[in-house]
Amino acid sequence: KKGEKYFGKLIWLKEPNNEQGKPKVDDKNPDDKLKSRPIWGLEFVWGFEYDGEDTWEDGNIYDPKSGKTYSAEFTIENNDIMKLRGYVGFTWIGRTSTWTRVK
């Protein structure tokens, strides 16, 4: 949390290294200056505001696999499940994914 907004970093990767054994980098980023930054530790969600009902809105999510950034919101279903919706423009033009806490 920074001020009243929430952010998140990638802290684990199933395959953290590329085929050459070096840490994966953000090579799909449209900004050439950012293509060499490591994926591990990358702040990939930012700017979320809590609405008081287990929902965080008005944030963004970056997909390092495609280099694209989407508007996003997420809802906590319970202690182990979060639903994140990434979208373009309107929430109904998007996709929802379920994130499950690792035990």
PDB file of N, CA and C in Angstrom:
ATOM      1  N   LYS A   1       0.850  -1.174   0.000  1.00  0.00           N
ATOM      2  CA  LYS A   1       0.000   0.000   0.000  1.00  0.00           C
ATOM      3  C   LYS A   1       0.894   1.235   0.000  1.00  0.00           C
ATOM      4  N   LYS A   2       0.533   2.172  -0.861  1.00  0.00           N
ATOM      5  CA  LYS A   2       1.218   3.461  -0.917  1.00  0.00           C
ATOM      6  C   LYS A   2       0.126   4.517  -0.806  1.00  0.00           C
ATOM      7  N   GLY A   3       0.098   5.236   0.299  1.00  0.00           N
ATOM      8  CA  GLY A   3      -0.988   6.177   0.521  1.00  0.00           C
ATOM      9  C   GLY A   3      -2.288   5.413   0.648  1.00  0.00           C
ATOM     10  N   GLU A   4      -3.259   5.753  -0.167  1.00  0.00           N
ATOM     11  CA  GLU A   4      -4.561   5.074  -0.153  1.00  0.00           C
ATOM     12  C   GLU A   4      -4.706   4.080  -1.303  1.00  0.00           C
ATOM     13  N   LYS A   5      -3.636   3.828  -2.053  1.00  0.00           N
ATOM     14  CA  LYS A   5      -3.703   2.929  -3.210  1.00  0.00           C
ATOM     15  C   LYS A   5      -2.896   1.662  -2.949  1.00  0.00           C
ATOM     16  N   TYR A   6      -3.297   0.593  -3.646  1.00  0.00           N
ATOM     17  CA  TYR A   6      -2.679  -0.722  -3.460  1.00  0.00           C
ATOM     18  C   TYR A   6      -1.920  -1.136  -4.711  1.00  0.00           C
ATOM     19  N   PHE A   7      -0.803  -1.834  -4.495  1.00  0.00           N
ATOM     20  CA  PHE A   7       0.111  -2.238  -5.554  1.00  0.00           C
ATOM     21  C   PHE A   7       0.533  -3.681  -5.307  1.00  0.00           C
ATOM     22  N   GLY A   8       1.067  -4.340  -6.326  1.00  0.00           N
ATOM     23  CA  GLY A   8       1.532  -5.711  -6.140  1.00  0.00           C
ATOM     24  C   GLY A   8       2.708  -6.034  -7.046  1.00  0.00           C
ATOM     25  N   LYS A   9       3.610  -6.887  -6.529  1.00  0.00           N
ATOM     26  CA  LYS A   9       4.801  -7.309  -7.267  1.00  0.00           C
ATOM     27  C   LYS A   9       4.784  -8.810  -7.508  1.00  0.00           C
ATOM     28  N   LEU A  10       5.451  -9.222  -8.576  1.00  0.00           N
ATOM     29  CA  LEU A  10       5.653 -10.646  -8.832  1.00  0.00           C
ATOM     30  C   LEU A  10       6.769 -11.129  -7.910  1.00  0.00           C
ATOM     31  N   ILE A  11       6.434 -12.038  -7.009  1.00  0.00           N
ATOM     32  CA  ILE A  11       7.437 -12.510  -6.053  1.00  0.00           C
ATOM     33  C   ILE A  11       7.802 -13.976  -6.264  1.00  0.00           C
ATOM     34  N   TRP A  12       7.175 -14.621  -7.259  1.00  0.00           N
ATOM     35  CA  TRP A  12       7.480 -16.020  -7.534  1.00  0.00           C
ATOM     36  C   TRP A  12       7.174 -16.301  -8.991  1.00  0.00           C
ATOM     37  N   LEU A  13       8.039 -17.055  -9.650  1.00  0.00           N
ATOM     38  CA  LEU A  13       7.820 -17.510 -11.021  1.00  0.00           C
ATOM     39  C   LEU A  13       8.099 -19.005 -11.077  1.00  0.00           C
ATOM     40  N   LYS A  14       7.220 -19.759 -11.700  1.00  0.00           N
ATOM     41  CA  LYS A  14       7.422 -21.204 -11.834  1.00  0.00           C
ATOM     42  C   LYS A  14       8.721 -21.477 -12.588  1.00  0.00           C
ATOM     43  N   GLU A  15       8.960 -20.681 -13.636  1.00  0.00           N
ATOM     44  CA  GLU A  15      10.197 -20.791 -14.410  1.00  0.00           C
ATOM     45  C   GLU A  15      10.843 -19.405 -14.458  1.00  0.00           C
ATOM     46  N   PRO A  16      11.680 -19.081 -13.473  1.00  0.00           N
ATOM     47  CA  PRO A  16      12.233 -17.727 -13.397  1.00  0.00           C
ATOM     48  C   PRO A  16      13.326 -17.426 -14.424  1.00  0.00           C
ATOM     49  N   ASN A  17      13.899 -18.468 -15.021  1.00  0.00           N
ATOM     50  CA  ASN A  17      14.995 -18.267 -15.964  1.00  0.00           C
ATOM     51  C   ASN A  17      14.583 -18.614 -17.389  1.00  0.00           C
ATOM     52  N   ASN A  18      15.255 -17.983 -18.343  1.00  0.00           N
ATOM     53  CA  ASN A  18      14.985 -18.265 -19.751  1.00  0.00           C
ATOM     54  C   ASN A  18      15.766 -19.513 -20.195  1.00  0.00           C
ATOM     55  N   GLU A  19      15.724 -19.812 -21.485  1.00  0.00           N
ATOM     56  CA  GLU A  19      16.386 -21.013 -22.018  1.00  0.00           C
ATOM     57  C   GLU A  19      17.906 -20.989 -21.820  1.00  0.00           C
ATOM     58  N   GLN A  20      18.481 -19.805 -21.706  1.00  0.00           N
ATOM     59  CA  GLN A  20      19.925 -19.670 -21.500  1.00  0.00           C
ATOM     60  C   GLN A  20      20.301 -19.707 -20.017  1.00  0.00           C
ATOM     61  N   GLY A  21      19.299 -19.890 -19.140  1.00  0.00           N
ATOM     62  CA  GLY A  21      19.557 -19.961 -17.706  1.00  0.00           C
ATOM     63  C   GLY A  21      19.657 -18.605 -17.030  1.00  0.00           C
ATOM     64  N   LYS A  22      19.337 -17.531 -17.750  1.00  0.00           N
ATOM     65  CA  LYS A  22      19.395 -16.186 -17.176  1.00  0.00           C
ATOM     66  C   LYS A  22      17.999 -15.767 -16.737  1.00  0.00           C
ATOM     67  N   PRO A  23      17.896 -14.883 -15.738  1.00  0.00           N
ATOM     68  CA  PRO A  23      16.581 -14.424 -15.283  1.00  0.00           C
ATOM     69  C   PRO A  23      15.761 -13.832 -16.438  1.00  0.00           C
ATOM     70  N   LYS A  24      14.479 -14.156 -16.453  1.00  0.00           N
ATOM     71  CA  LYS A  24      13.596 -13.625 -17.492  1.00  0.00           C
ATOM     72  C   LYS A  24      13.462 -12.121 -17.335  1.00  0.00           C
ATOM     73  N   VAL A  25      13.382 -11.448 -18.493  1.00  0.00           N
ATOM     74  CA  VAL A  25      13.245  -9.995 -18.510  1.00  0.00           C
ATOM     75  C   VAL A  25      11.959  -9.611 -19.235  1.00  0.00           C
ATOM     76  N   ASP A  26      11.600  -8.352 -19.123  1.00  0.00           N
ATOM     77  CA  ASP A  26      10.354  -7.813 -19.672  1.00  0.00           C
ATOM     78  C   ASP A  26      10.506  -7.490 -21.163  1.00  0.00           C
ATOM     79  N   ASP A  27      10.897  -8.468 -21.960  1.00  0.00           N
ATOM     80  CA  ASP A  27      11.234  -8.241 -23.362  1.00  0.00           C
ATOM     81  C   ASP A  27      10.051  -7.938 -24.277  1.00  0.00           C
ATOM     82  N   LYS A  28       8.832  -8.088 -23.802  1.00  0.00           N
ATOM     83  CA  LYS A  28       7.640  -7.770 -24.606  1.00  0.00           C
ATOM     84  C   LYS A  28       7.133  -6.349 -24.333  1.00  0.00           C
ATOM     85  N   ASN A  29       7.790  -5.639 -23.426  1.00  0.00           N
ATOM     86  CA  ASN A  29       7.358  -4.289 -23.069  1.00  0.00           C
ATOM     87  C   ASN A  29       7.463  -3.373 -24.286  1.00  0.00           C
ATOM     88  N   PRO A  30       6.435  -2.559 -24.564  1.00  0.00           N
ATOM     89  CA  PRO A  30       6.506  -1.655 -25.715  1.00  0.00           C
ATOM     90  C   PRO A  30       7.539  -0.531 -25.548  1.00  0.00           C
ATOM     91  N   ASP A  31       7.964  -0.270 -24.325  1.00  0.00           N
ATOM     92  CA  ASP A  31       8.973   0.757 -24.059  1.00  0.00           C
ATOM     93  C   ASP A  31      10.356   0.098 -24.085  1.00  0.00           C
ATOM     94  N   ASP A  32      11.154   0.425 -25.095  1.00  0.00           N
ATOM     95  CA  ASP A  32      12.477  -0.197 -25.254  1.00  0.00           C
ATOM     96  C   ASP A  32      13.353  -0.060 -24.012  1.00  0.00           C
ATOM     97  N   LYS A  33      13.204   1.019 -23.251  1.00  0.00           N
ATOM     98  CA  LYS A  33      14.018   1.241 -22.055  1.00  0.00           C
ATOM     99  C   LYS A  33      13.694   0.248 -20.939  1.00  0.00           C
ATOM    100  N   LEU A  34      12.503  -0.376 -20.994  1.00  0.00           N
ATOM    101  CA  LEU A  34      12.082  -1.292 -19.934  1.00  0.00           C
ATOM    102  C   LEU A  34      12.252  -2.766 -20.303  1.00  0.00           C
ATOM    103  N   LYS A  35      12.678  -3.056 -21.511  1.00  0.00           N
ATOM    104  CA  LYS A  35      12.764  -4.447 -21.976  1.00  0.00           C
ATOM    105  C   LYS A  35      13.813  -5.289 -21.252  1.00  0.00           C
ATOM    106  N   SER A  36      14.758  -4.663 -20.599  1.00  0.00           N
ATOM    107  CA  SER A  36      15.808  -5.431 -19.908  1.00  0.00           C
ATOM    108  C   SER A  36      15.546  -5.574 -18.409  1.00  0.00           C
ATOM    109  N   ARG A  37      14.440  -5.010 -17.900  1.00  0.00           N
ATOM    110  CA  ARG A  37      14.171  -5.123 -16.462  1.00  0.00           C
ATOM    111  C   ARG A  37      13.698  -6.541 -16.138  1.00  0.00           C
ATOM    112  N   PRO A  38      14.084  -7.053 -14.979  1.00  0.00           N
ATOM    113  CA  PRO A  38      13.696  -8.419 -14.594  1.00  0.00           C
ATOM    114  C   PRO A  38      12.190  -8.540 -14.357  1.00  0.00           C
ATOM    115  N   ILE A  39      11.640  -9.701 -14.705  1.00  0.00           N
ATOM    116  CA  ILE A  39      10.225  -9.988 -14.429  1.00  0.00           C
ATOM    117  C   ILE A  39      10.041 -10.215 -12.928  1.00  0.00           C
ATOM    118  N   TRP A  40      10.945 -10.968 -12.314  1.00  0.00           N
ATOM    119  CA  TRP A  40      10.854 -11.225 -10.874  1.00  0.00           C
ATOM    120  C   TRP A  40      11.004  -9.890 -10.145  1.00  0.00           C
ATOM    121  N   GLY A  41      10.066  -9.577  -9.269  1.00  0.00           N
ATOM    122  CA  GLY A  41      10.085  -8.326  -8.522  1.00  0.00           C
ATOM    123  C   GLY A  41       9.364  -7.183  -9.221  1.00  0.00           C
ATOM    124  N   LEU A  42       8.839  -7.438 -10.419  1.00  0.00           N
ATOM    125  CA  LEU A  42       8.155  -6.419 -11.199  1.00  0.00           C
ATOM    126  C   LEU A  42       6.836  -6.009 -10.548  1.00  0.00           C
ATOM    127  N   GLU A  43       6.610  -4.729 -10.416  1.00  0.00           N
ATOM    128  CA  GLU A  43       5.323  -4.236  -9.935  1.00  0.00           C
ATOM    129  C   GLU A  43       4.370  -4.313 -11.128  1.00  0.00           C
ATOM    130  N   PHE A  44       3.458  -5.283 -11.092  1.00  0.00           N
ATOM    131  CA  PHE A  44       2.602  -5.536 -12.239  1.00  0.00           C
ATOM    132  C   PHE A  44       1.142  -5.172 -12.005  1.00  0.00           C
ATOM    133  N   VAL A  45       0.758  -4.847 -10.784  1.00  0.00           N
ATOM    134  CA  VAL A  45      -0.571  -4.282 -10.497  1.00  0.00           C
ATOM    135  C   VAL A  45      -0.358  -3.013  -9.693  1.00  0.00           C
ATOM    136  N   TRP A  46      -1.141  -1.964 -10.010  1.00  0.00           N
ATOM    137  CA  TRP A  46      -0.951  -0.701  -9.317  1.00  0.00           C
ATOM    138  C   TRP A  46      -2.203   0.171  -9.372  1.00  0.00           C
ATOM    139  N   GLY A  47      -2.269   1.077  -8.393  1.00  0.00           N
ATOM    140  CA  GLY A  47      -3.279   2.111  -8.379  1.00  0.00           C
ATOM    141  C   GLY A  47      -4.666   1.706  -7.914  1.00  0.00           C
ATOM    142  N   PHE A  48      -4.809   0.573  -7.257  1.00  0.00           N
ATOM    143  CA  PHE A  48      -6.134   0.118  -6.826  1.00  0.00           C
ATOM    144  C   PHE A  48      -6.609   0.884  -5.599  1.00  0.00           C
ATOM    145  N   GLU A  49      -7.906   1.204  -5.597  1.00  0.00           N
ATOM    146  CA  GLU A  49      -8.524   1.889  -4.469  1.00  0.00           C
ATOM    147  C   GLU A  49      -9.593   0.986  -3.861  1.00  0.00           C
ATOM    148  N   TYR A  50      -9.567   0.865  -2.548  1.00  0.00           N
ATOM    149  CA  TYR A  50     -10.531   0.025  -1.839  1.00  0.00           C
ATOM    150  C   TYR A  50     -11.879   0.724  -1.799  1.00  0.00           C
ATOM    151  N   ASP A  51     -12.958   0.017  -2.154  1.00  0.00           N
ATOM    152  CA  ASP A  51     -14.288   0.637  -2.155  1.00  0.00           C
ATOM    153  C   ASP A  51     -15.103   0.313  -0.912  1.00  0.00           C
ATOM    154  N   GLY A  52     -14.523  -0.435   0.043  1.00  0.00           N
ATOM    155  CA  GLY A  52     -15.204  -0.724   1.290  1.00  0.00           C
ATOM    156  C   GLY A  52     -16.052  -1.980   1.290  1.00  0.00           C
ATOM    157  N   GLU A  53     -16.124  -2.703   0.180  1.00  0.00           N
ATOM    158  CA  GLU A  53     -16.957  -3.900   0.100  1.00  0.00           C
ATOM    159  C   GLU A  53     -16.182  -5.081  -0.472  1.00  0.00           C
ATOM    160  N   ASP A  54     -14.982  -5.304  -0.001  1.00  0.00           N
ATOM    161  CA  ASP A  54     -14.110  -6.374  -0.481  1.00  0.00           C
ATOM    162  C   ASP A  54     -13.790  -6.254  -1.969  1.00  0.00           C
ATOM    163  N   THR A  55     -13.876  -5.041  -2.517  1.00  0.00           N
ATOM    164  CA  THR A  55     -13.551  -4.794  -3.920  1.00  0.00           C
ATOM    165  C   THR A  55     -12.565  -3.636  -4.013  1.00  0.00           C
ATOM    166  N   TRP A  56     -11.580  -3.797  -4.895  1.00  0.00           N
ATOM    167  CA  TRP A  56     -10.604  -2.769  -5.182  1.00  0.00           C
ATOM    168  C   TRP A  56     -10.778  -2.395  -6.648  1.00  0.00           C
ATOM    169  N   GLU A  57     -10.864  -1.102  -6.938  1.00  0.00           N
ATOM    170  CA  GLU A  57     -11.187  -0.630  -8.282  1.00  0.00           C
ATOM    171  C   GLU A  57     -10.177   0.391  -8.781  1.00  0.00           C
ATOM    172  N   ASP A  58     -10.349   0.753 -10.058  1.00  0.00           N
ATOM    173  CA  ASP A  58      -9.587   1.834 -10.695  1.00  0.00           C
ATOM    174  C   ASP A  58      -8.090   1.578 -10.732  1.00  0.00           C
ATOM    175  N   GLY A  59      -7.710   0.310 -10.833  1.00  0.00           N
ATOM    176  CA  GLY A  59      -6.299  -0.030 -10.915  1.00  0.00           C
ATOM    177  C   GLY A  59      -5.915  -0.481 -12.310  1.00  0.00           C
ATOM    178  N   ASN A  60      -4.674  -0.938 -12.427  1.00  0.00           N
ATOM    179  CA  ASN A  60      -4.140  -1.435 -13.692  1.00  0.00           C
ATOM    180  C   ASN A  60      -3.390  -2.733 -13.443  1.00  0.00           C
ATOM    181  N   ILE A  61      -3.344  -3.552 -14.488  1.00  0.00           N
ATOM    182  CA  ILE A  61      -2.555  -4.773 -14.438  1.00  0.00           C
ATOM    183  C   ILE A  61      -1.751  -4.866 -15.728  1.00  0.00           C
ATOM    184  N   TYR A  62      -0.482  -5.234 -15.584  1.00  0.00           N
ATOM    185  CA  TYR A  62       0.424  -5.384 -16.720  1.00  0.00           C
ATOM    186  C   TYR A  62       0.672  -6.868 -16.949  1.00  0.00           C
ATOM    187  N   ASP A  63       0.555  -7.306 -18.193  1.00  0.00           N
ATOM    188  CA  ASP A  63       0.812  -8.696 -18.570  1.00  0.00           C
ATOM    189  C   ASP A  63       2.174  -8.776 -19.246  1.00  0.00           C
ATOM    190  N   PRO A  64       3.207  -9.258 -18.550  1.00  0.00           N
ATOM    191  CA  PRO A  64       4.541  -9.312 -19.163  1.00  0.00           C
ATOM    192  C   PRO A  64       4.646 -10.315 -20.311  1.00  0.00           C
ATOM    193  N   LYS A  65       3.711 -11.259 -20.413  1.00  0.00           N
ATOM    194  CA  LYS A  65       3.736 -12.211 -21.538  1.00  0.00           C
ATOM    195  C   LYS A  65       3.377 -11.529 -22.856  1.00  0.00           C
ATOM    196  N   SER A  66       2.536 -10.480 -22.790  1.00  0.00           N
ATOM    197  CA  SER A  66       2.125  -9.787 -24.014  1.00  0.00           C
ATOM    198  C   SER A  66       2.661  -8.357 -24.091  1.00  0.00           C
ATOM    199  N   GLY A  67       3.062  -7.794 -22.955  1.00  0.00           N
ATOM    200  CA  GLY A  67       3.507  -6.412 -22.919  1.00  0.00           C
ATOM    201  C   GLY A  67       2.352  -5.424 -22.884  1.00  0.00           C
ATOM    202  N   LYS A  68       1.148  -5.914 -22.581  1.00  0.00           N
ATOM    203  CA  LYS A  68      -0.034  -5.049 -22.574  1.00  0.00           C
ATOM    204  C   LYS A  68      -0.474  -4.712 -21.149  1.00  0.00           C
ATOM    205  N   THR A  69      -1.060  -3.540 -21.013  1.00  0.00           N
ATOM    206  CA  THR A  69      -1.584  -3.068 -19.737  1.00  0.00           C
ATOM    207  C   THR A  69      -3.089  -2.914 -19.864  1.00  0.00           C
ATOM    208  N   TYR A  70      -3.792  -3.336 -18.820  1.00  0.00           N
ATOM    209  CA  TYR A  70      -5.254  -3.286 -18.811  1.00  0.00           C
ATOM    210  C   TYR A  70      -5.743  -2.557 -17.565  1.00  0.00           C
ATOM    211  N   SER A  71      -6.921  -1.951 -17.664  1.00  0.00           N
ATOM    212  CA  SER A  71      -7.612  -1.466 -16.473  1.00  0.00           C
ATOM    213  C   SER A  71      -8.058  -2.706 -15.715  1.00  0.00           C
ATOM    214  N   ALA A  72      -8.228  -2.594 -14.396  1.00  0.00           N
ATOM    215  CA  ALA A  72      -8.575  -3.794 -13.634  1.00  0.00           C
ATOM    216  C   ALA A  72      -9.275  -3.446 -12.329  1.00  0.00           C
ATOM    217  N   GLU A  73      -9.957  -4.468 -11.815  1.00  0.00           N
ATOM    218  CA  GLU A  73     -10.545  -4.420 -10.479  1.00  0.00           C
ATOM    219  C   GLU A  73     -10.478  -5.833  -9.920  1.00  0.00           C
ATOM    220  N   PHE A  74     -10.483  -5.949  -8.595  1.00  0.00           N
ATOM    221  CA  PHE A  74     -10.514  -7.288  -8.025  1.00  0.00           C
ATOM    222  C   PHE A  74     -11.382  -7.332  -6.782  1.00  0.00           C
ATOM    223  N   THR A  75     -11.879  -8.545  -6.522  1.00  0.00           N
ATOM    224  CA  THR A  75     -12.767  -8.797  -5.397  1.00  0.00           C
ATOM    225  C   THR A  75     -12.226  -9.975  -4.611  1.00  0.00           C
ATOM    226  N   ILE A  76     -12.219  -9.852  -3.296  1.00  0.00           N
ATOM    227  CA  ILE A  76     -11.822 -10.957  -2.426  1.00  0.00           C
ATOM    228  C   ILE A  76     -13.076 -11.786  -2.135  1.00  0.00           C
ATOM    229  N   GLU A  77     -13.060 -13.054  -2.551  1.00  0.00           N
ATOM    230  CA  GLU A  77     -14.191 -13.951  -2.310  1.00  0.00           C
ATOM    231  C   GLU A  77     -14.143 -14.531  -0.889  1.00  0.00           C
ATOM    232  N   ASN A  78     -12.922 -14.922  -0.478  1.00  0.00           N
ATOM    233  CA  ASN A  78     -12.693 -15.434   0.872  1.00  0.00           C
ATOM    234  C   ASN A  78     -11.194 -15.353   1.129  1.00  0.00           C
ATOM    235  N   ASN A  79     -10.705 -15.955   2.209  1.00  0.00           N
ATOM    236  CA  ASN A  79      -9.278 -15.852   2.541  1.00  0.00           C
ATOM    237  C   ASN A  79      -8.361 -16.483   1.497  1.00  0.00           C
ATOM    238  N   ASP A  80      -8.904 -17.334   0.635  1.00  0.00           N
ATOM    239  CA  ASP A  80      -8.066 -18.052  -0.319  1.00  0.00           C
ATOM    240  C   ASP A  80      -8.336 -17.728  -1.783  1.00  0.00           C
ATOM    241  N   ILE A  81      -9.398 -16.986  -2.082  1.00  0.00           N
ATOM    242  CA  ILE A  81      -9.762 -16.761  -3.485  1.00  0.00           C
ATOM    243  C   ILE A  81      -9.987 -15.276  -3.763  1.00  0.00           C
ATOM    244  N   MET A  82      -9.359 -14.820  -4.858  1.00  0.00           N
ATOM    245  CA  MET A  82      -9.524 -13.459  -5.336  1.00  0.00           C
ATOM    246  C   MET A  82      -9.925 -13.534  -6.811  1.00  0.00           C
ATOM    247  N   LYS A  83     -10.874 -12.717  -7.225  1.00  0.00           N
ATOM    248  CA  LYS A  83     -11.273 -12.646  -8.632  1.00  0.00           C
ATOM    249  C   LYS A  83     -10.783 -11.316  -9.188  1.00  0.00           C
ATOM    250  N   LEU A  84      -9.977 -11.387 -10.243  1.00  0.00           N
ATOM    251  CA  LEU A  84      -9.423 -10.197 -10.874  1.00  0.00           C
ATOM    252  C   LEU A  84     -10.008 -10.063 -12.270  1.00  0.00           C
ATOM    253  N   ARG A  85     -10.500  -8.883 -12.595  1.00  0.00           N
ATOM    254  CA  ARG A  85     -11.055  -8.620 -13.919  1.00  0.00           C
ATOM    255  C   ARG A  85     -10.211  -7.553 -14.587  1.00  0.00           C
ATOM    256  N   GLY A  86      -9.605  -7.931 -15.718  1.00  0.00           N
ATOM    257  CA  GLY A  86      -8.875  -6.992 -16.559  1.00  0.00           C
ATOM    258  C   GLY A  86      -9.760  -6.621 -17.732  1.00  0.00           C
ATOM    259  N   TYR A  87      -9.733  -5.351 -18.132  1.00  0.00           N
ATOM    260  CA  TYR A  87     -10.624  -4.927 -19.198  1.00  0.00           C
ATOM    261  C   TYR A  87     -10.038  -3.749 -19.970  1.00  0.00           C
ATOM    262  N   VAL A  88     -10.665  -3.490 -21.126  1.00  0.00           N
ATOM    263  CA  VAL A  88     -10.290  -2.365 -21.969  1.00  0.00           C
ATOM    264  C   VAL A  88     -11.495  -1.435 -22.046  1.00  0.00           C
ATOM    265  N   GLY A  89     -11.391  -0.262 -21.476  1.00  0.00           N
ATOM    266  CA  GLY A  89     -12.473   0.704 -21.555  1.00  0.00           C
ATOM    267  C   GLY A  89     -13.601   0.450 -20.569  1.00  0.00           C
ATOM    268  N   PHE A  90     -14.368  -0.590 -20.800  1.00  0.00           N
ATOM    269  CA  PHE A  90     -15.514  -0.922 -19.970  1.00  0.00           C
ATOM    270  C   PHE A  90     -15.307  -2.292 -19.340  1.00  0.00           C
ATOM    271  N   THR A  91     -15.828  -2.485 -18.127  1.00  0.00           N
ATOM    272  CA  THR A  91     -15.620  -3.765 -17.440  1.00  0.00           C
ATOM    273  C   THR A  91     -16.206  -4.942 -18.196  1.00  0.00           C
ATOM    274  N   TRP A  92     -17.216  -4.727 -19.019  1.00  0.00           N
ATOM    275  CA  TRP A  92     -17.815  -5.839 -19.757  1.00  0.00           C
ATOM    276  C   TRP A  92     -16.997  -6.224 -20.984  1.00  0.00           C
ATOM    277  N   ILE A  93     -15.943  -5.459 -21.311  1.00  0.00           N
ATOM    278  CA  ILE A  93     -15.021  -5.839 -22.393  1.00  0.00           C
ATOM    279  C   ILE A  93     -13.736  -6.312 -21.714  1.00  0.00           C
ATOM    280  N   GLY A  94     -13.772  -7.520 -21.195  1.00  0.00           N
ATOM    281  CA  GLY A  94     -12.606  -8.012 -20.475  1.00  0.00           C
ATOM    282  C   GLY A  94     -12.710  -9.466 -20.116  1.00  0.00           C
ATOM    283  N   ARG A  95     -11.873  -9.853 -19.174  1.00  0.00           N
ATOM    284  CA  ARG A  95     -11.793 -11.249 -18.748  1.00  0.00           C
ATOM    285  C   ARG A  95     -11.547 -11.288 -17.253  1.00  0.00           C
ATOM    286  N   THR A  96     -12.192 -12.249 -16.597  1.00  0.00           N
ATOM    287  CA  THR A  96     -12.012 -12.448 -15.163  1.00  0.00           C
ATOM    288  C   THR A  96     -11.194 -13.707 -14.937  1.00  0.00           C
ATOM    289  N   SER A  97     -10.231 -13.613 -14.061  1.00  0.00           N
ATOM    290  CA  SER A  97      -9.455 -14.794 -13.676  1.00  0.00           C
ATOM    291  C   SER A  97      -9.557 -14.970 -12.164  1.00  0.00           C
ATOM    292  N   THR A  98      -9.508 -16.220 -11.736  1.00  0.00           N
ATOM    293  CA  THR A  98      -9.573 -16.547 -10.303  1.00  0.00           C
ATOM    294  C   THR A  98      -8.176 -16.866  -9.836  1.00  0.00           C
ATOM    295  N   TRP A  99      -7.748 -16.205  -8.781  1.00  0.00           N
ATOM    296  CA  TRP A  99      -6.437 -16.425  -8.188  1.00  0.00           C
ATOM    297  C   TRP A  99      -6.662 -17.132  -6.865  1.00  0.00           C
ATOM    298  N   THR A 100      -5.918 -18.215  -6.651  1.00  0.00           N
ATOM    299  CA  THR A 100      -6.057 -19.009  -5.429  1.00  0.00           C
ATOM    300  C   THR A 100      -4.762 -18.946  -4.631  1.00  0.00           C
ATOM    301  N   ARG A 101      -4.893 -18.728  -3.323  1.00  0.00           N
ATOM    302  CA  ARG A 101      -3.727 -18.646  -2.442  1.00  0.00           C
ATOM    303  C   ARG A 101      -2.993 -19.988  -2.419  1.00  0.00           C
ATOM    304  N   VAL A 102      -1.693 -19.941  -2.509  1.00  0.00           N
ATOM    305  CA  VAL A 102      -0.871 -21.153  -2.420  1.00  0.00           C
ATOM    306  C   VAL A 102      -0.690 -21.494  -0.953  1.00  0.00           C
ATOM    307  N   LYS A 103      -0.848 -22.779  -0.628  1.00  0.00           N
ATOM    308  CA  LYS A 103      -0.704 -23.203   0.774  1.00  0.00           C
ATOM    309  C   LYS A 103       0.587 -23.944   0.974  1.00  0.00           C
TER     310      LYS A 103
END
